[in-house]
Amino acid sequence: MEVQTEVNSFVPIHRLEVMLNGHVVAARMESSGARKLILKEKIKVTDSCWLLARCASRFSGVMETMAHTSPVYVQAGGEEVFSPAARAYAMSLIDGAKTWAQNLATRPDPERFAQVLNIFTQAGERHHRRMHQHRLAH
């Protein structure tokens, strides 16, 4: 599969990567930094997976500023992308974010607060249903 990603930044970018299921499968380095980087490469995809692009800037020899895209899900052979460990972790993050919003966050107006809590509730319910569809305890 051919992938292409591009970053434009006001901060010089030193590294641009494509990740497949959490592993770097393509990268471009720019030792002096660039405000625009393009990475175009063919990668091997054999199963359903997720891909994302990420970039980093280096200051004082340390990668300090980083950004990444949302994942893109690739379905191969009718097989869905599903990781029980990732789902369980996502459920714990959702629960933690909802608890934070309820107990520590600055409260918006009541209508907006209800909308925020509803987003967390719906996300948690979707993950919960997917775990049950795969007959996984959680």
N, C-alpha and C. Protein backbone atom coordinates (compact mmCIF):
# COMPACT_ATOMS: atom_id res chain seq x y z
N MET A 1 0.85 -1.16 0.00
CA MET A 1 0.00 0.00 0.00
C MET A 1 0.90 1.23 0.00
N GLU A 2 0.52 2.22 -0.79
CA GLU A 2 1.30 3.46 -0.80
C GLU A 2 0.66 4.44 0.17
N VAL A 3 1.47 5.01 1.04
CA VAL A 3 1.00 6.01 1.99
C VAL A 3 1.73 7.32 1.72
N GLN A 4 1.02 8.40 1.97
CA GLN A 4 1.62 9.72 1.84
C GLN A 4 1.09 10.59 2.95
N THR A 5 1.98 11.27 3.63
CA THR A 5 1.59 12.20 4.67
C THR A 5 2.43 13.46 4.53
N GLU A 6 1.85 14.56 4.95
CA GLU A 6 2.51 15.85 4.81
C GLU A 6 2.27 16.65 6.08
N VAL A 7 3.30 17.35 6.52
CA VAL A 7 3.16 18.23 7.67
C VAL A 7 3.65 19.62 7.28
N ASN A 8 2.88 20.62 7.68
CA ASN A 8 3.24 22.03 7.53
C ASN A 8 3.19 22.63 8.93
N SER A 9 4.26 23.30 9.34
CA SER A 9 4.33 23.77 10.71
C SER A 9 5.11 25.07 10.80
N PHE A 10 4.76 25.90 11.78
CA PHE A 10 5.56 27.10 12.02
C PHE A 10 6.79 26.75 12.84
N VAL A 11 6.80 25.57 13.46
CA VAL A 11 7.96 25.06 14.20
C VAL A 11 8.70 24.11 13.27
N PRO A 12 10.00 24.22 13.13
CA PRO A 12 10.73 23.28 12.26
C PRO A 12 10.53 21.83 12.71
N ILE A 13 10.20 20.97 11.76
CA ILE A 13 9.96 19.55 12.03
C ILE A 13 11.24 18.78 11.66
N HIS A 14 11.64 17.86 12.53
CA HIS A 14 12.85 17.08 12.30
C HIS A 14 12.57 15.63 11.92
N ARG A 15 11.38 15.15 12.23
CA ARG A 15 11.07 13.75 11.94
C ARG A 15 9.58 13.62 11.62
N LEU A 16 9.29 12.85 10.57
CA LEU A 16 7.93 12.53 10.18
C LEU A 16 7.86 11.02 10.02
N GLU A 17 6.86 10.39 10.62
CA GLU A 17 6.76 8.94 10.63
C GLU A 17 5.36 8.47 10.28
N VAL A 18 5.28 7.26 9.75
CA VAL A 18 4.02 6.55 9.60
C VAL A 18 4.11 5.33 10.51
N MET A 19 3.07 5.14 11.32
CA MET A 19 3.03 4.00 12.23
C MET A 19 1.92 3.06 11.80
N LEU A 20 2.18 1.77 11.92
CA LEU A 20 1.22 0.71 11.63
C LEU A 20 1.08 -0.11 12.90
N ASN A 21 -0.11 -0.12 13.48
CA ASN A 21 -0.36 -0.85 14.74
C ASN A 21 0.68 -0.54 15.81
N GLY A 22 1.09 0.72 15.89
CA GLY A 22 2.00 1.15 16.94
C GLY A 22 3.48 1.02 16.63
N HIS A 23 3.82 0.58 15.42
CA HIS A 23 5.22 0.40 15.04
C HIS A 23 5.55 1.31 13.86
N VAL A 24 6.70 1.96 13.91
CA VAL A 24 7.12 2.83 12.82
C VAL A 24 7.46 1.97 11.60
N VAL A 25 6.80 2.26 10.46
CA VAL A 25 7.03 1.50 9.24
C VAL A 25 7.62 2.37 8.13
N ALA A 26 7.63 3.67 8.32
CA ALA A 26 8.23 4.59 7.35
C ALA A 26 8.60 5.86 8.11
N ALA A 27 9.73 6.46 7.73
CA ALA A 27 10.15 7.68 8.42
C ALA A 27 10.99 8.55 7.49
N ARG A 28 10.94 9.82 7.77
CA ARG A 28 11.79 10.78 7.08
C ARG A 28 12.37 11.71 8.13
N MET A 29 13.69 11.87 8.07
CA MET A 29 14.40 12.75 8.99
C MET A 29 14.86 13.99 8.24
N GLU A 30 14.86 15.11 8.90
CA GLU A 30 15.39 16.36 8.36
C GLU A 30 16.25 16.95 9.48
N SER A 31 17.56 16.70 9.43
CA SER A 31 18.43 17.05 10.54
C SER A 31 18.41 18.53 10.89
N SER A 32 18.26 19.39 9.90
CA SER A 32 18.23 20.83 10.19
C SER A 32 16.82 21.35 10.47
N GLY A 33 15.82 20.51 10.30
CA GLY A 33 14.43 20.92 10.52
C GLY A 33 13.85 21.57 9.27
N ALA A 34 12.58 21.38 9.06
CA ALA A 34 11.89 21.97 7.91
C ALA A 34 10.47 22.32 8.33
N ARG A 35 9.95 23.36 7.74
CA ARG A 35 8.57 23.76 8.06
C ARG A 35 7.55 22.95 7.26
N LYS A 36 8.01 22.23 6.25
CA LYS A 36 7.15 21.35 5.48
C LYS A 36 7.92 20.06 5.19
N LEU A 37 7.30 18.93 5.49
CA LEU A 37 7.88 17.63 5.18
C LEU A 37 6.80 16.77 4.53
N ILE A 38 7.20 16.02 3.53
CA ILE A 38 6.32 15.06 2.87
C ILE A 38 6.99 13.69 2.93
N LEU A 39 6.22 12.70 3.29
CA LEU A 39 6.70 11.31 3.32
C LEU A 39 5.78 10.49 2.44
N LYS A 40 6.33 9.87 1.43
CA LYS A 40 5.57 9.02 0.52
C LYS A 40 6.35 7.72 0.39
N GLU A 41 5.70 6.61 0.73
CA GLU A 41 6.40 5.34 0.73
C GLU A 41 5.41 4.18 0.59
N LYS A 42 5.89 3.08 0.05
CA LYS A 42 5.10 1.86 -0.01
C LYS A 42 5.39 1.05 1.24
N ILE A 43 4.33 0.55 1.86
CA ILE A 43 4.48 -0.27 3.06
C ILE A 43 3.72 -1.58 2.83
N LYS A 44 4.13 -2.60 3.54
CA LYS A 44 3.48 -3.91 3.41
C LYS A 44 2.35 -4.02 4.43
N VAL A 45 1.14 -4.27 3.93
CA VAL A 45 -0.03 -4.46 4.78
C VAL A 45 -0.61 -5.83 4.44
N THR A 46 -0.62 -6.74 5.41
CA THR A 46 -1.10 -8.10 5.16
C THR A 46 -2.43 -8.38 5.86
N ASP A 47 -2.73 -7.64 6.91
CA ASP A 47 -3.93 -7.85 7.69
C ASP A 47 -4.60 -6.51 7.97
N SER A 48 -5.81 -6.55 8.50
CA SER A 48 -6.46 -5.32 8.92
C SER A 48 -5.58 -4.64 9.97
N CYS A 49 -5.55 -3.32 9.93
CA CYS A 49 -4.64 -2.60 10.81
C CYS A 49 -5.10 -1.15 10.96
N TRP A 50 -4.34 -0.40 11.76
CA TRP A 50 -4.54 1.04 11.81
C TRP A 50 -3.21 1.71 11.50
N LEU A 51 -3.32 2.86 10.89
CA LEU A 51 -2.16 3.67 10.52
C LEU A 51 -2.34 5.07 11.07
N LEU A 52 -1.24 5.71 11.40
CA LEU A 52 -1.28 7.13 11.72
C LEU A 52 0.06 7.75 11.36
N ALA A 53 0.05 9.06 11.25
CA ALA A 53 1.29 9.80 10.99
C ALA A 53 1.59 10.63 12.23
N ARG A 54 2.88 10.78 12.51
CA ARG A 54 3.28 11.64 13.63
C ARG A 54 4.54 12.38 13.25
N CYS A 55 4.74 13.51 13.90
CA CYS A 55 5.93 14.32 13.62
C CYS A 55 6.51 14.82 14.93
N ALA A 56 7.77 15.24 14.87
CA ALA A 56 8.44 15.74 16.07
C ALA A 56 9.46 16.80 15.69
N SER A 57 9.64 17.73 16.61
CA SER A 57 10.65 18.78 16.47
C SER A 57 11.69 18.60 17.56
N ARG A 58 12.91 18.97 17.26
CA ARG A 58 14.00 18.81 18.21
C ARG A 58 14.54 20.19 18.58
N PHE A 59 14.64 20.43 19.87
CA PHE A 59 15.27 21.64 20.38
C PHE A 59 16.29 21.20 21.42
N SER A 60 17.47 21.74 21.37
CA SER A 60 18.54 21.39 22.31
C SER A 60 18.83 19.90 22.30
N GLY A 61 18.67 19.27 21.13
CA GLY A 61 19.00 17.85 20.99
C GLY A 61 17.93 16.89 21.49
N VAL A 62 16.80 17.40 21.98
CA VAL A 62 15.75 16.55 22.52
C VAL A 62 14.48 16.76 21.71
N MET A 63 13.77 15.66 21.40
CA MET A 63 12.48 15.78 20.72
C MET A 63 11.49 16.32 21.75
N GLU A 64 11.01 17.54 21.52
CA GLU A 64 10.15 18.17 22.50
C GLU A 64 8.72 18.38 22.01
N THR A 65 8.55 18.80 20.78
CA THR A 65 7.22 19.09 20.27
C THR A 65 6.80 17.96 19.36
N MET A 66 5.64 17.39 19.64
CA MET A 66 5.17 16.26 18.83
C MET A 66 3.69 16.45 18.52
N ALA A 67 3.26 15.85 17.42
CA ALA A 67 1.84 15.84 17.03
C ALA A 67 1.59 14.57 16.25
N HIS A 68 0.33 14.13 16.22
CA HIS A 68 -0.01 12.97 15.41
C HIS A 68 -1.44 13.09 14.91
N THR A 69 -1.73 12.35 13.87
CA THR A 69 -3.07 12.31 13.30
C THR A 69 -3.93 11.34 14.09
N SER A 70 -5.19 11.35 13.80
CA SER A 70 -6.07 10.28 14.26
C SER A 70 -5.74 9.04 13.42
N PRO A 71 -6.05 7.85 13.94
CA PRO A 71 -5.77 6.66 13.15
C PRO A 71 -6.68 6.53 11.93
N VAL A 72 -6.15 5.88 10.92
CA VAL A 72 -6.92 5.47 9.75
C VAL A 72 -6.98 3.95 9.82
N TYR A 73 -8.18 3.40 9.75
CA TYR A 73 -8.34 1.96 9.86
C TYR A 73 -8.43 1.33 8.48
N VAL A 74 -7.64 0.27 8.28
CA VAL A 74 -7.59 -0.44 7.01
C VAL A 74 -8.17 -1.82 7.25
N GLN A 75 -9.16 -2.18 6.45
CA GLN A 75 -9.78 -3.49 6.58
C GLN A 75 -9.31 -4.37 5.42
N ALA A 76 -8.75 -5.54 5.76
CA ALA A 76 -8.25 -6.47 4.76
C ALA A 76 -8.98 -7.80 4.91
N GLY A 77 -9.47 -8.30 3.80
CA GLY A 77 -10.09 -9.61 3.79
C GLY A 77 -11.32 -9.73 4.68
N GLY A 78 -12.04 -8.64 4.89
CA GLY A 78 -13.23 -8.68 5.71
C GLY A 78 -12.97 -8.74 7.21
N GLU A 79 -11.71 -8.73 7.60
CA GLU A 79 -11.33 -8.83 9.01
C GLU A 79 -11.27 -7.42 9.60
N GLU A 80 -11.94 -7.22 10.75
CA GLU A 80 -11.92 -5.91 11.38
C GLU A 80 -10.66 -5.73 12.23
N VAL A 81 -10.36 -4.49 12.52
CA VAL A 81 -9.26 -4.17 13.43
C VAL A 81 -9.83 -4.21 14.84
N PHE A 82 -9.33 -5.11 15.67
CA PHE A 82 -9.84 -5.21 17.04
C PHE A 82 -8.73 -5.69 17.95
N SER A 83 -8.52 -4.97 19.03
CA SER A 83 -7.54 -5.35 20.03
C SER A 83 -8.22 -5.31 21.39
N PRO A 84 -8.40 -6.46 22.03
CA PRO A 84 -9.03 -6.47 23.35
C PRO A 84 -8.28 -5.59 24.36
N ALA A 85 -6.97 -5.63 24.34
CA ALA A 85 -6.19 -4.81 25.28
C ALA A 85 -6.40 -3.32 25.02
N ALA A 86 -6.42 -2.94 23.73
CA ALA A 86 -6.63 -1.53 23.40
C ALA A 86 -8.03 -1.10 23.79
N ARG A 87 -9.03 -1.96 23.58
CA ARG A 87 -10.41 -1.62 23.97
C ARG A 87 -10.51 -1.44 25.48
N ALA A 88 -9.92 -2.35 26.24
CA ALA A 88 -9.98 -2.25 27.70
C ALA A 88 -9.29 -0.96 28.17
N TYR A 89 -8.16 -0.65 27.57
CA TYR A 89 -7.44 0.57 27.93
C TYR A 89 -8.28 1.81 27.58
N ALA A 90 -8.90 1.79 26.40
CA ALA A 90 -9.75 2.92 26.00
C ALA A 90 -10.90 3.08 26.97
N MET A 91 -11.49 1.98 27.42
CA MET A 91 -12.58 2.06 28.38
C MET A 91 -12.12 2.70 29.69
N SER A 92 -10.91 2.36 30.13
CA SER A 92 -10.40 2.96 31.37
C SER A 92 -10.13 4.46 31.18
N LEU A 93 -9.64 4.84 29.99
CA LEU A 93 -9.42 6.27 29.72
C LEU A 93 -10.74 7.03 29.69
N ILE A 94 -11.75 6.45 29.09
CA ILE A 94 -13.07 7.08 29.03
C ILE A 94 -13.63 7.25 30.44
N ASP A 95 -13.54 6.20 31.23
CA ASP A 95 -14.04 6.28 32.61
C ASP A 95 -13.29 7.35 33.40
N GLY A 96 -11.97 7.40 33.22
CA GLY A 96 -11.16 8.40 33.92
C GLY A 96 -11.50 9.81 33.49
N ALA A 97 -11.70 10.00 32.19
CA ALA A 97 -12.04 11.33 31.68
C ALA A 97 -13.41 11.77 32.19
N LYS A 98 -14.34 10.84 32.24
CA LYS A 98 -15.68 11.17 32.74
C LYS A 98 -15.61 11.53 34.23
N THR A 99 -14.85 10.78 35.00
CA THR A 99 -14.68 11.07 36.42
C THR A 99 -14.02 12.44 36.61
N TRP A 100 -13.01 12.73 35.81
CA TRP A 100 -12.34 14.04 35.88
C TRP A 100 -13.34 15.16 35.59
N ALA A 101 -14.13 14.99 34.53
CA ALA A 101 -15.11 16.02 34.16
C ALA A 101 -16.13 16.22 35.27
N GLN A 102 -16.54 15.14 35.92
CA GLN A 102 -17.55 15.24 36.96
C GLN A 102 -17.01 15.84 38.25
N ASN A 103 -15.72 15.62 38.56
CA ASN A 103 -15.20 15.98 39.87
C ASN A 103 -14.16 17.10 39.90
N LEU A 104 -13.43 17.30 38.80
CA LEU A 104 -12.31 18.24 38.86
C LEU A 104 -12.38 19.37 37.83
N ALA A 105 -12.99 19.12 36.71
CA ALA A 105 -12.99 20.10 35.63
C ALA A 105 -13.84 21.32 35.98
N THR A 106 -13.48 22.45 35.39
CA THR A 106 -14.30 23.65 35.50
C THR A 106 -15.61 23.37 34.78
N ARG A 107 -16.71 23.65 35.42
CA ARG A 107 -18.02 23.33 34.85
C ARG A 107 -18.47 24.37 33.84
N PRO A 108 -18.83 23.90 32.66
CA PRO A 108 -19.48 24.81 31.71
C PRO A 108 -20.95 24.96 32.12
N ASP A 109 -21.73 25.60 31.29
CA ASP A 109 -23.16 25.71 31.59
C ASP A 109 -23.76 24.30 31.64
N PRO A 110 -24.87 24.11 32.33
CA PRO A 110 -25.45 22.77 32.52
C PRO A 110 -25.71 22.01 31.22
N GLU A 111 -26.16 22.71 30.19
CA GLU A 111 -26.44 22.04 28.91
C GLU A 111 -25.17 21.48 28.30
N ARG A 112 -24.13 22.28 28.28
CA ARG A 112 -22.84 21.85 27.72
C ARG A 112 -22.24 20.72 28.56
N PHE A 113 -22.36 20.82 29.87
CA PHE A 113 -21.85 19.78 30.76
C PHE A 113 -22.55 18.45 30.48
N ALA A 114 -23.84 18.48 30.28
CA ALA A 114 -24.60 17.26 29.96
C ALA A 114 -24.14 16.68 28.63
N GLN A 115 -23.85 17.54 27.65
CA GLN A 115 -23.35 17.08 26.35
C GLN A 115 -22.01 16.37 26.50
N VAL A 116 -21.12 16.96 27.30
CA VAL A 116 -19.79 16.36 27.52
C VAL A 116 -19.93 14.99 28.17
N LEU A 117 -20.73 14.91 29.21
CA LEU A 117 -20.93 13.62 29.88
C LEU A 117 -21.56 12.60 28.94
N ASN A 118 -22.46 13.04 28.10
CA ASN A 118 -23.10 12.14 27.14
C ASN A 118 -22.09 11.58 26.14
N ILE A 119 -21.14 12.38 25.71
CA ILE A 119 -20.09 11.90 24.79
C ILE A 119 -19.31 10.77 25.45
N PHE A 120 -18.91 10.96 26.72
CA PHE A 120 -18.18 9.90 27.42
C PHE A 120 -19.04 8.66 27.60
N THR A 121 -20.30 8.85 27.93
CA THR A 121 -21.21 7.71 28.13
C THR A 121 -21.38 6.93 26.84
N GLN A 122 -21.63 7.61 25.74
CA GLN A 122 -21.81 6.93 24.45
C GLN A 122 -20.54 6.19 24.04
N ALA A 123 -19.39 6.81 24.21
CA ALA A 123 -18.12 6.15 23.84
C ALA A 123 -17.92 4.90 24.68
N GLY A 124 -18.16 4.99 25.97
CA GLY A 124 -18.03 3.83 26.85
C GLY A 124 -18.98 2.71 26.45
N GLU A 125 -20.20 3.07 26.12
CA GLU A 125 -21.18 2.07 25.71
C GLU A 125 -20.77 1.37 24.41
N ARG A 126 -20.22 2.12 23.46
CA ARG A 126 -19.76 1.51 22.19
C ARG A 126 -18.65 0.50 22.46
N HIS A 127 -17.68 0.88 23.29
CA HIS A 127 -16.59 -0.06 23.61
C HIS A 127 -17.14 -1.27 24.36
N HIS A 128 -18.05 -1.04 25.27
CA HIS A 128 -18.65 -2.14 26.04
C HIS A 128 -19.35 -3.13 25.11
N ARG A 129 -20.13 -2.61 24.15
CA ARG A 129 -20.81 -3.49 23.19
C ARG A 129 -19.81 -4.30 22.36
N ARG A 130 -18.73 -3.66 21.92
CA ARG A 130 -17.73 -4.36 21.10
C ARG A 130 -17.07 -5.48 21.91
N MET A 131 -16.81 -5.24 23.18
CA MET A 131 -16.23 -6.28 24.02
C MET A 131 -17.20 -7.47 24.12
N HIS A 132 -18.48 -7.19 24.29
CA HIS A 132 -19.47 -8.27 24.37
C HIS A 132 -19.60 -8.99 23.03
N GLN A 133 -19.55 -8.27 21.91
CA GLN A 133 -19.63 -8.92 20.60
C GLN A 133 -18.50 -9.91 20.39
N HIS A 134 -17.36 -9.64 21.01
CA HIS A 134 -16.21 -10.55 20.90
C HIS A 134 -16.13 -11.51 22.09
N ARG A 135 -17.20 -11.50 22.91
CA ARG A 135 -17.30 -12.39 24.07
C ARG A 135 -16.10 -12.25 25.00
N LEU A 136 -15.74 -11.01 25.28
CA LEU A 136 -14.59 -10.74 26.15
C LEU A 136 -15.04 -10.17 27.47
N ALA A 137 -14.49 -10.71 28.53
CA ALA A 137 -14.78 -10.17 29.87
C ALA A 137 -14.04 -8.84 30.01
N HIS A 138 -14.62 -7.97 30.80
CA HIS A 138 -13.98 -6.67 31.07
C HIS A 138 -14.42 -6.13 32.40
